[in-house]
Amino acid sequence: MSAAAAHAAKKAPTVFQTWFRVEVIPIYAVLGVACGGAGWYVTRLARGPDVTWDRKNNPHPWVHIDQQTQLKLMTVKEGQGFTKTYSRDRL
């Protein structure tokens, strides 16, 4: 067999073999979790009390929040219990 024939007999890798190698799967998993978490956090920030989506009907949404409403993601201080959590009822 000549070198040209041996080279022609060698198959080029398919797209599946190129993109879905075993050692690349953890990278895809980490990137998927990171993109999902970033999307969730941006959505959470967009629904916060200090974001105004409708300036005509609700220009100051933070005025309608009670003192005992938890606004942050989690409470760090012990004994600082809130009676309710914030949820946007109108834009």
PDB file of N, CA and C in Angstrom:
ATOM      1  N   MET A   1       0.836  -1.178   0.000  1.00  0.00           N
ATOM      2  CA  MET A   1       0.000   0.000   0.000  1.00  0.00           C
ATOM      3  C   MET A   1       0.876   1.234   0.000  1.00  0.00           C
ATOM      4  N   SER A   2       0.500   2.141  -0.820  1.00  0.00           N
ATOM      5  CA  SER A   2       1.269   3.377  -0.859  1.00  0.00           C
ATOM      6  C   SER A   2       0.773   4.325   0.231  1.00  0.00           C
ATOM      7  N   ALA A   3       1.508   5.364   0.455  1.00  0.00           N
ATOM      8  CA  ALA A   3       1.148   6.342   1.474  1.00  0.00           C
ATOM      9  C   ALA A   3      -0.126   7.076   1.109  1.00  0.00           C
ATOM     10  N   ALA A   4      -0.344   7.332  -0.180  1.00  0.00           N
ATOM     11  CA  ALA A   4      -1.559   8.019  -0.625  1.00  0.00           C
ATOM     12  C   ALA A   4      -2.782   7.144  -0.398  1.00  0.00           C
ATOM     13  N   ALA A   5      -2.656   5.854  -0.616  1.00  0.00           N
ATOM     14  CA  ALA A   5      -3.781   4.942  -0.417  1.00  0.00           C
ATOM     15  C   ALA A   5      -4.101   4.803   1.069  1.00  0.00           C
ATOM     16  N   ALA A   6      -3.078   4.781   1.904  1.00  0.00           N
ATOM     17  CA  ALA A   6      -3.302   4.697   3.349  1.00  0.00           C
ATOM     18  C   ALA A   6      -3.977   5.955   3.867  1.00  0.00           C
ATOM     19  N   HIS A   7      -3.588   7.088   3.334  1.00  0.00           N
ATOM     20  CA  HIS A   7      -4.186   8.361   3.741  1.00  0.00           C
ATOM     21  C   HIS A   7      -5.635   8.450   3.286  1.00  0.00           C
ATOM     22  N   ALA A   8      -5.939   7.936   2.104  1.00  0.00           N
ATOM     23  CA  ALA A   8      -7.305   7.964   1.585  1.00  0.00           C
ATOM     24  C   ALA A   8      -8.188   6.989   2.347  1.00  0.00           C
ATOM     25  N   ALA A   9      -7.623   5.909   2.870  1.00  0.00           N
ATOM     26  CA  ALA A   9      -8.405   4.927   3.616  1.00  0.00           C
ATOM     27  C   ALA A   9      -8.777   5.437   5.004  1.00  0.00           C
ATOM     28  N   LYS A  10      -8.037   6.388   5.494  1.00  0.00           N
ATOM     29  CA  LYS A  10      -8.317   6.954   6.812  1.00  0.00           C
ATOM     30  C   LYS A  10      -9.550   7.844   6.713  1.00  0.00           C
ATOM     31  N   LYS A  11     -10.511   7.614   7.580  1.00  0.00           N
ATOM     32  CA  LYS A  11     -11.741   8.392   7.531  1.00  0.00           C
ATOM     33  C   LYS A  11     -11.602   9.672   8.340  1.00  0.00           C
ATOM     34  N   ALA A  12     -12.235  10.721   7.864  1.00  0.00           N
ATOM     35  CA  ALA A  12     -12.287  11.977   8.612  1.00  0.00           C
ATOM     36  C   ALA A  12     -13.312  11.819   9.740  1.00  0.00           C
ATOM     37  N   PRO A  13     -13.081  12.444  10.888  1.00  0.00           N
ATOM     38  CA  PRO A  13     -14.047  12.319  11.980  1.00  0.00           C
ATOM     39  C   PRO A  13     -15.367  13.005  11.624  1.00  0.00           C
ATOM     40  N   THR A  14     -16.451  12.412  12.068  1.00  0.00           N
ATOM     41  CA  THR A  14     -17.765  12.992  11.812  1.00  0.00           C
ATOM     42  C   THR A  14     -18.002  14.149  12.780  1.00  0.00           C
ATOM     43  N   VAL A  15     -19.070  14.867  12.534  1.00  0.00           N
ATOM     44  CA  VAL A  15     -19.406  15.996  13.418  1.00  0.00           C
ATOM     45  C   VAL A  15     -19.706  15.496  14.825  1.00  0.00           C
ATOM     46  N   PHE A  16     -20.385  14.374  14.926  1.00  0.00           N
ATOM     47  CA  PHE A  16     -20.698  13.818  16.234  1.00  0.00           C
ATOM     48  C   PHE A  16     -19.425  13.463  17.006  1.00  0.00           C
ATOM     49  N   GLN A  17     -18.443  12.905  16.324  1.00  0.00           N
ATOM     50  CA  GLN A  17     -17.190  12.552  16.978  1.00  0.00           C
ATOM     51  C   GLN A  17     -16.393  13.792  17.364  1.00  0.00           C
ATOM     52  N   THR A  18     -16.530  14.858  16.614  1.00  0.00           N
ATOM     53  CA  THR A  18     -15.785  16.082  16.913  1.00  0.00           C
ATOM     54  C   THR A  18     -16.386  16.832  18.095  1.00  0.00           C
ATOM     55  N   TRP A  19     -17.720  16.990  18.121  1.00  0.00           N
ATOM     56  CA  TRP A  19     -18.355  17.816  19.136  1.00  0.00           C
ATOM     57  C   TRP A  19     -18.703  17.076  20.419  1.00  0.00           C
ATOM     58  N   PHE A  20     -18.910  15.795  20.376  1.00  0.00           N
ATOM     59  CA  PHE A  20     -19.363  15.059  21.546  1.00  0.00           C
ATOM     60  C   PHE A  20     -18.319  14.048  21.998  1.00  0.00           C
ATOM     61  N   ARG A  21     -17.134  14.501  22.206  1.00  0.00           N
ATOM     62  CA  ARG A  21     -16.106  13.627  22.744  1.00  0.00           C
ATOM     63  C   ARG A  21     -16.347  13.471  24.239  1.00  0.00           C
ATOM     64  N   VAL A  22     -15.881  12.404  24.805  1.00  0.00           N
ATOM     65  CA  VAL A  22     -16.143  12.086  26.202  1.00  0.00           C
ATOM     66  C   VAL A  22     -15.528  13.136  27.140  1.00  0.00           C
ATOM     67  N   GLU A  23     -14.364  13.614  26.806  1.00  0.00           N
ATOM     68  CA  GLU A  23     -13.702  14.555  27.693  1.00  0.00           C
ATOM     69  C   GLU A  23     -14.287  15.969  27.637  1.00  0.00           C
ATOM     70  N   VAL A  24     -15.190  16.229  26.713  1.00  0.00           N
ATOM     71  CA  VAL A  24     -15.789  17.554  26.574  1.00  0.00           C
ATOM     72  C   VAL A  24     -17.132  17.644  27.306  1.00  0.00           C
ATOM     73  N   ILE A  25     -17.719  16.523  27.657  1.00  0.00           N
ATOM     74  CA  ILE A  25     -19.036  16.496  28.295  1.00  0.00           C
ATOM     75  C   ILE A  25     -19.059  17.289  29.614  1.00  0.00           C
ATOM     76  N   PRO A  26     -18.072  17.213  30.513  1.00  0.00           N
ATOM     77  CA  PRO A  26     -18.116  18.043  31.726  1.00  0.00           C
ATOM     78  C   PRO A  26     -18.082  19.542  31.430  1.00  0.00           C
ATOM     79  N   ILE A  27     -17.385  19.930  30.386  1.00  0.00           N
ATOM     80  CA  ILE A  27     -17.350  21.351  30.028  1.00  0.00           C
ATOM     81  C   ILE A  27     -18.736  21.804  29.589  1.00  0.00           C
ATOM     82  N   TYR A  28     -19.415  20.986  28.772  1.00  0.00           N
ATOM     83  CA  TYR A  28     -20.773  21.323  28.354  1.00  0.00           C
ATOM     84  C   TYR A  28     -21.711  21.387  29.558  1.00  0.00           C
ATOM     85  N   ALA A  29     -21.552  20.488  30.503  1.00  0.00           N
ATOM     86  CA  ALA A  29     -22.414  20.480  31.688  1.00  0.00           C
ATOM     87  C   ALA A  29     -22.199  21.740  32.524  1.00  0.00           C
ATOM     88  N   VAL A  30     -20.956  22.114  32.750  1.00  0.00           N
ATOM     89  CA  VAL A  30     -20.666  23.307  33.545  1.00  0.00           C
ATOM     90  C   VAL A  30     -21.169  24.560  32.840  1.00  0.00           C
ATOM     91  N   LEU A  31     -20.954  24.658  31.539  1.00  0.00           N
ATOM     92  CA  LEU A  31     -21.443  25.813  30.789  1.00  0.00           C
ATOM     93  C   LEU A  31     -22.976  25.877  30.788  1.00  0.00           C
ATOM     94  N   GLY A  32     -23.630  24.747  30.696  1.00  0.00           N
ATOM     95  CA  GLY A  32     -25.090  24.722  30.734  1.00  0.00           C
ATOM     96  C   GLY A  32     -25.632  25.188  32.073  1.00  0.00           C
ATOM     97  N   VAL A  33     -25.023  24.711  33.161  1.00  0.00           N
ATOM     98  CA  VAL A  33     -25.450  25.132  34.501  1.00  0.00           C
ATOM     99  C   VAL A  33     -25.161  26.611  34.707  1.00  0.00           C
ATOM    100  N   ALA A  34     -24.017  27.096  34.245  1.00  0.00           N
ATOM    101  CA  ALA A  34     -23.660  28.509  34.402  1.00  0.00           C
ATOM    102  C   ALA A  34     -24.612  29.411  33.615  1.00  0.00           C
ATOM    103  N   CYS A  35     -24.934  29.043  32.390  1.00  0.00           N
ATOM    104  CA  CYS A  35     -25.857  29.851  31.587  1.00  0.00           C
ATOM    105  C   CYS A  35     -27.267  29.812  32.169  1.00  0.00           C
ATOM    106  N   GLY A  36     -27.696  28.675  32.643  1.00  0.00           N
ATOM    107  CA  GLY A  36     -29.010  28.575  33.286  1.00  0.00           C
ATOM    108  C   GLY A  36     -29.087  29.411  34.561  1.00  0.00           C
ATOM    109  N   GLY A  37     -28.036  29.353  35.383  1.00  0.00           N
ATOM    110  CA  GLY A  37     -28.009  30.156  36.605  1.00  0.00           C
ATOM    111  C   GLY A  37     -27.964  31.644  36.314  1.00  0.00           C
ATOM    112  N   ALA A  38     -27.207  32.037  35.306  1.00  0.00           N
ATOM    113  CA  ALA A  38     -27.144  33.458  34.947  1.00  0.00           C
ATOM    114  C   ALA A  38     -28.492  33.949  34.428  1.00  0.00           C
ATOM    115  N   GLY A  39     -29.154  33.134  33.634  1.00  0.00           N
ATOM    116  CA  GLY A  39     -30.483  33.501  33.145  1.00  0.00           C
ATOM    117  C   GLY A  39     -31.494  33.628  34.273  1.00  0.00           C
ATOM    118  N   TRP A  40     -31.442  32.700  35.232  1.00  0.00           N
ATOM    119  CA  TRP A  40     -32.345  32.762  36.376  1.00  0.00           C
ATOM    120  C   TRP A  40     -32.086  34.019  37.189  1.00  0.00           C
ATOM    121  N   TYR A  41     -30.816  34.358  37.415  1.00  0.00           N
ATOM    122  CA  TYR A  41     -30.494  35.515  38.243  1.00  0.00           C
ATOM    123  C   TYR A  41     -30.875  36.824  37.551  1.00  0.00           C
ATOM    124  N   VAL A  42     -30.673  36.923  36.246  1.00  0.00           N
ATOM    125  CA  VAL A  42     -31.075  38.132  35.521  1.00  0.00           C
ATOM    126  C   VAL A  42     -32.596  38.283  35.559  1.00  0.00           C
ATOM    127  N   THR A  43     -33.319  37.177  35.434  1.00  0.00           N
ATOM    128  CA  THR A  43     -34.778  37.231  35.543  1.00  0.00           C
ATOM    129  C   THR A  43     -35.203  37.662  36.939  1.00  0.00           C
ATOM    130  N   ARG A  44     -34.513  37.179  37.947  1.00  0.00           N
ATOM    131  CA  ARG A  44     -34.822  37.562  39.330  1.00  0.00           C
ATOM    132  C   ARG A  44     -34.550  39.039  39.557  1.00  0.00           C
ATOM    133  N   LEU A  45     -33.459  39.547  39.019  1.00  0.00           N
ATOM    134  CA  LEU A  45     -33.159  40.967  39.154  1.00  0.00           C
ATOM    135  C   LEU A  45     -34.174  41.836  38.418  1.00  0.00           C
ATOM    136  N   ALA A  46     -34.655  41.374  37.279  1.00  0.00           N
ATOM    137  CA  ALA A  46     -35.622  42.152  36.505  1.00  0.00           C
ATOM    138  C   ALA A  46     -36.971  42.242  37.192  1.00  0.00           C
ATOM    139  N   ARG A  47     -37.264  41.313  38.081  1.00  0.00           N
ATOM    140  CA  ARG A  47     -38.541  41.325  38.796  1.00  0.00           C
ATOM    141  C   ARG A  47     -38.431  41.952  40.174  1.00  0.00           C
ATOM    142  N   GLY A  48     -37.325  42.604  40.485  1.00  0.00           N
ATOM    143  CA  GLY A  48     -37.119  43.215  41.789  1.00  0.00           C
ATOM    144  C   GLY A  48     -38.008  44.417  42.027  1.00  0.00           C
ATOM    145  N   PRO A  49     -38.083  44.881  43.274  1.00  0.00           N
ATOM    146  CA  PRO A  49     -38.980  45.985  43.612  1.00  0.00           C
ATOM    147  C   PRO A  49     -38.503  47.347  43.112  1.00  0.00           C
ATOM    148  N   ASP A  50     -37.242  47.492  42.795  1.00  0.00           N
ATOM    149  CA  ASP A  50     -36.739  48.791  42.369  1.00  0.00           C
ATOM    150  C   ASP A  50     -36.686  48.938  40.857  1.00  0.00           C
ATOM    151  N   VAL A  51     -37.223  47.976  40.115  1.00  0.00           N
ATOM    152  CA  VAL A  51     -37.251  48.033  38.656  1.00  0.00           C
ATOM    153  C   VAL A  51     -38.642  48.479  38.220  1.00  0.00           C
ATOM    154  N   THR A  52     -38.704  49.503  37.387  1.00  0.00           N
ATOM    155  CA  THR A  52     -39.976  50.030  36.906  1.00  0.00           C
ATOM    156  C   THR A  52     -40.166  49.629  35.456  1.00  0.00           C
ATOM    157  N   TRP A  53     -41.208  48.828  35.197  1.00  0.00           N
ATOM    158  CA  TRP A  53     -41.524  48.412  33.845  1.00  0.00           C
ATOM    159  C   TRP A  53     -42.649  49.249  33.257  1.00  0.00           C
ATOM    160  N   ASP A  54     -43.581  49.686  34.087  1.00  0.00           N
ATOM    161  CA  ASP A  54     -44.732  50.454  33.629  1.00  0.00           C
ATOM    162  C   ASP A  54     -44.719  51.799  34.349  1.00  0.00           C
ATOM    163  N   ARG A  55     -44.301  52.835  33.678  1.00  0.00           N
ATOM    164  CA  ARG A  55     -44.150  54.143  34.324  1.00  0.00           C
ATOM    165  C   ARG A  55     -45.468  54.885  34.455  1.00  0.00           C
ATOM    166  N   LYS A  56     -46.473  54.512  33.669  1.00  0.00           N
ATOM    167  CA  LYS A  56     -47.750  55.221  33.752  1.00  0.00           C
ATOM    168  C   LYS A  56     -48.603  54.731  34.917  1.00  0.00           C
ATOM    169  N   ASN A  57     -48.802  53.415  35.007  1.00  0.00           N
ATOM    170  CA  ASN A  57     -49.713  52.867  36.014  1.00  0.00           C
ATOM    171  C   ASN A  57     -49.047  52.640  37.368  1.00  0.00           C
ATOM    172  N   ASN A  58     -47.770  52.345  37.381  1.00  0.00           N
ATOM    173  CA  ASN A  58     -47.086  52.050  38.639  1.00  0.00           C
ATOM    174  C   ASN A  58     -45.685  52.680  38.601  1.00  0.00           C
ATOM    175  N   PRO A  59     -45.586  54.000  38.737  1.00  0.00           N
ATOM    176  CA  PRO A  59     -44.282  54.650  38.576  1.00  0.00           C
ATOM    177  C   PRO A  59     -43.314  54.379  39.726  1.00  0.00           C
ATOM    178  N   HIS A  60     -43.834  54.072  40.913  1.00  0.00           N
ATOM    179  CA  HIS A  60     -42.978  53.829  42.081  1.00  0.00           C
ATOM    180  C   HIS A  60     -43.390  52.517  42.752  1.00  0.00           C
ATOM    181  N   PRO A  61     -42.939  51.380  42.240  1.00  0.00           N
ATOM    182  CA  PRO A  61     -43.390  50.100  42.803  1.00  0.00           C
ATOM    183  C   PRO A  61     -42.859  49.839  44.212  1.00  0.00           C
ATOM    184  N   TRP A  62     -41.804  50.476  44.623  1.00  0.00           N
ATOM    185  CA  TRP A  62     -41.220  50.232  45.938  1.00  0.00           C
ATOM    186  C   TRP A  62     -42.019  50.891  47.053  1.00  0.00           C
ATOM    187  N   VAL A  63     -42.978  51.745  46.729  1.00  0.00           N
ATOM    188  CA  VAL A  63     -43.788  52.404  47.747  1.00  0.00           C
ATOM    189  C   VAL A  63     -44.762  51.416  48.377  1.00  0.00           C
ATOM    190  N   HIS A  64     -45.167  50.399  47.655  1.00  0.00           N
ATOM    191  CA  HIS A  64     -46.190  49.456  48.116  1.00  0.00           C
ATOM    192  C   HIS A  64     -45.613  48.286  48.909  1.00  0.00           C
ATOM    193  N   ILE A  65     -44.386  48.381  49.396  1.00  0.00           N
ATOM    194  CA  ILE A  65     -43.747  47.278  50.118  1.00  0.00           C
ATOM    195  C   ILE A  65     -43.747  47.578  51.610  1.00  0.00           C
ATOM    196  N   ASP A  66     -44.196  46.599  52.406  1.00  0.00           N
ATOM    197  CA  ASP A  66     -44.204  46.747  53.866  1.00  0.00           C
ATOM    198  C   ASP A  66     -42.799  46.580  54.432  1.00  0.00           C
ATOM    199  N   GLN A  67     -42.648  46.951  55.697  1.00  0.00           N
ATOM    200  CA  GLN A  67     -41.352  46.840  56.370  1.00  0.00           C
ATOM    201  C   GLN A  67     -40.965  45.389  56.628  1.00  0.00           C
ATOM    202  N   GLN A  68     -41.914  44.523  56.852  1.00  0.00           N
ATOM    203  CA  GLN A  68     -41.635  43.125  57.199  1.00  0.00           C
ATOM    204  C   GLN A  68     -41.585  42.208  55.974  1.00  0.00           C
ATOM    205  N   THR A  69     -41.265  42.750  54.825  1.00  0.00           N
ATOM    206  CA  THR A  69     -41.185  41.960  53.600  1.00  0.00           C
ATOM    207  C   THR A  69     -39.724  41.675  53.275  1.00  0.00           C
ATOM    208  N   GLN A  70     -39.413  40.424  53.054  1.00  0.00           N
ATOM    209  CA  GLN A  70     -38.049  40.036  52.699  1.00  0.00           C
ATOM    210  C   GLN A  70     -37.829  40.307  51.220  1.00  0.00           C
ATOM    211  N   LEU A  71     -36.817  41.120  50.904  1.00  0.00           N
ATOM    212  CA  LEU A  71     -36.526  41.491  49.524  1.00  0.00           C
ATOM    213  C   LEU A  71     -35.307  40.770  48.977  1.00  0.00           C
ATOM    214  N   LYS A  72     -34.398  40.376  49.847  1.00  0.00           N
ATOM    215  CA  LYS A  72     -33.151  39.765  49.399  1.00  0.00           C
ATOM    216  C   LYS A  72     -33.327  38.264  49.183  1.00  0.00           C
ATOM    217  N   LEU A  73     -32.327  37.657  48.568  1.00  0.00           N
ATOM    218  CA  LEU A  73     -32.390  36.238  48.250  1.00  0.00           C
ATOM    219  C   LEU A  73     -32.406  35.377  49.506  1.00  0.00           C
ATOM    220  N   MET A  74     -31.607  35.763  50.498  1.00  0.00           N
ATOM    221  CA  MET A  74     -31.566  35.005  51.752  1.00  0.00           C
ATOM    222  C   MET A  74     -31.270  35.938  52.912  1.00  0.00           C
ATOM    223  N   THR A  75     -31.649  35.528  54.114  1.00  0.00           N
ATOM    224  CA  THR A  75     -31.411  36.307  55.323  1.00  0.00           C
ATOM    225  C   THR A  75     -30.215  35.725  56.047  1.00  0.00           C
ATOM    226  N   VAL A  76     -29.241  36.562  56.392  1.00  0.00           N
ATOM    227  CA  VAL A  76     -28.024  36.088  57.037  1.00  0.00           C
ATOM    228  C   VAL A  76     -28.136  36.186  58.555  1.00  0.00           C
ATOM    229  N   LYS A  77     -28.759  37.230  59.069  1.00  0.00           N
ATOM    230  CA  LYS A  77     -28.848  37.437  60.523  1.00  0.00           C
ATOM    231  C   LYS A  77     -29.812  36.448  61.156  1.00  0.00           C
ATOM    232  N   GLU A  78     -29.422  35.957  62.333  1.00  0.00           N
ATOM    233  CA  GLU A  78     -30.299  35.076  63.097  1.00  0.00           C
ATOM    234  C   GLU A  78     -31.370  35.917  63.790  1.00  0.00           C
ATOM    235  N   GLY A  79     -32.573  35.419  63.842  1.00  0.00           N
ATOM    236  CA  GLY A  79     -33.646  36.107  64.534  1.00  0.00           C
ATOM    237  C   GLY A  79     -34.283  37.220  63.720  1.00  0.00           C
ATOM    238  N   GLN A  80     -33.846  37.447  62.528  1.00  0.00           N
ATOM    239  CA  GLN A  80     -34.443  38.474  61.687  1.00  0.00           C
ATOM    240  C   GLN A  80     -35.428  37.795  60.752  1.00  0.00           C
ATOM    241  N   GLY A  81     -36.552  37.416  61.313  1.00  0.00           N
ATOM    242  CA  GLY A  81     -37.552  36.724  60.526  1.00  0.00           C
ATOM    243  C   GLY A  81     -38.505  37.710  59.870  1.00  0.00           C
ATOM    244  N   PHE A  82     -38.835  37.455  58.660  1.00  0.00           N
ATOM    245  CA  PHE A  82     -39.783  38.290  57.951  1.00  0.00           C
ATOM    246  C   PHE A  82     -41.113  37.561  57.871  1.00  0.00           C
ATOM    247  N   THR A  83     -42.197  38.324  57.873  1.00  0.00           N
ATOM    248  CA  THR A  83     -43.519  37.705  57.834  1.00  0.00           C
ATOM    249  C   THR A  83     -43.907  37.287  56.430  1.00  0.00           C
ATOM    250  N   LYS A  84     -43.378  37.938  55.413  1.00  0.00           N
ATOM    251  CA  LYS A  84     -43.710  37.561  54.040  1.00  0.00           C
ATOM    252  C   LYS A  84     -42.544  37.866  53.117  1.00  0.00           C
ATOM    253  N   THR A  85     -42.563  37.248  51.940  1.00  0.00           N
ATOM    254  CA  THR A  85     -41.528  37.489  50.942  1.00  0.00           C
ATOM    255  C   THR A  85     -42.132  38.309  49.803  1.00  0.00           C
ATOM    256  N   TYR A  86     -41.284  39.011  49.091  1.00  0.00           N
ATOM    257  CA  TYR A  86     -41.740  39.889  48.015  1.00  0.00           C
ATOM    258  C   TYR A  86     -42.041  39.097  46.759  1.00  0.00           C
ATOM    259  N   SER A  87     -43.177  39.401  46.170  1.00  0.00           N
ATOM    260  CA  SER A  87     -43.495  38.879  44.840  1.00  0.00           C
ATOM    261  C   SER A  87     -44.210  39.995  44.083  1.00  0.00           C
ATOM    262  N   ARG A  88     -43.805  40.174  42.852  1.00  0.00           N
ATOM    263  CA  ARG A  88     -44.368  41.267  42.051  1.00  0.00           C
ATOM    264  C   ARG A  88     -45.778  40.877  41.609  1.00  0.00           C
ATOM    265  N   ASP A  89     -46.783  41.630  42.057  1.00  0.00           N
ATOM    266  CA  ASP A  89     -48.157  41.325  41.684  1.00  0.00           C
ATOM    267  C   ASP A  89     -48.610  42.097  40.458  1.00  0.00           C
ATOM    268  N   ARG A  90     -47.921  43.162  40.130  1.00  0.00           N
ATOM    269  CA  ARG A  90     -48.230  43.924  38.925  1.00  0.00           C
ATOM    270  C   ARG A  90     -46.941  44.517  38.380  1.00  0.00           C
ATOM    271  N   LEU A  91     -46.910  44.741  37.100  1.00  0.00           N
ATOM    272  CA  LEU A  91     -45.723  45.326  36.477  1.00  0.00           C
ATOM    273  C   LEU A  91     -45.798  46.793  36.674  1.00  0.00           C
TER     274      LEU A  91
END
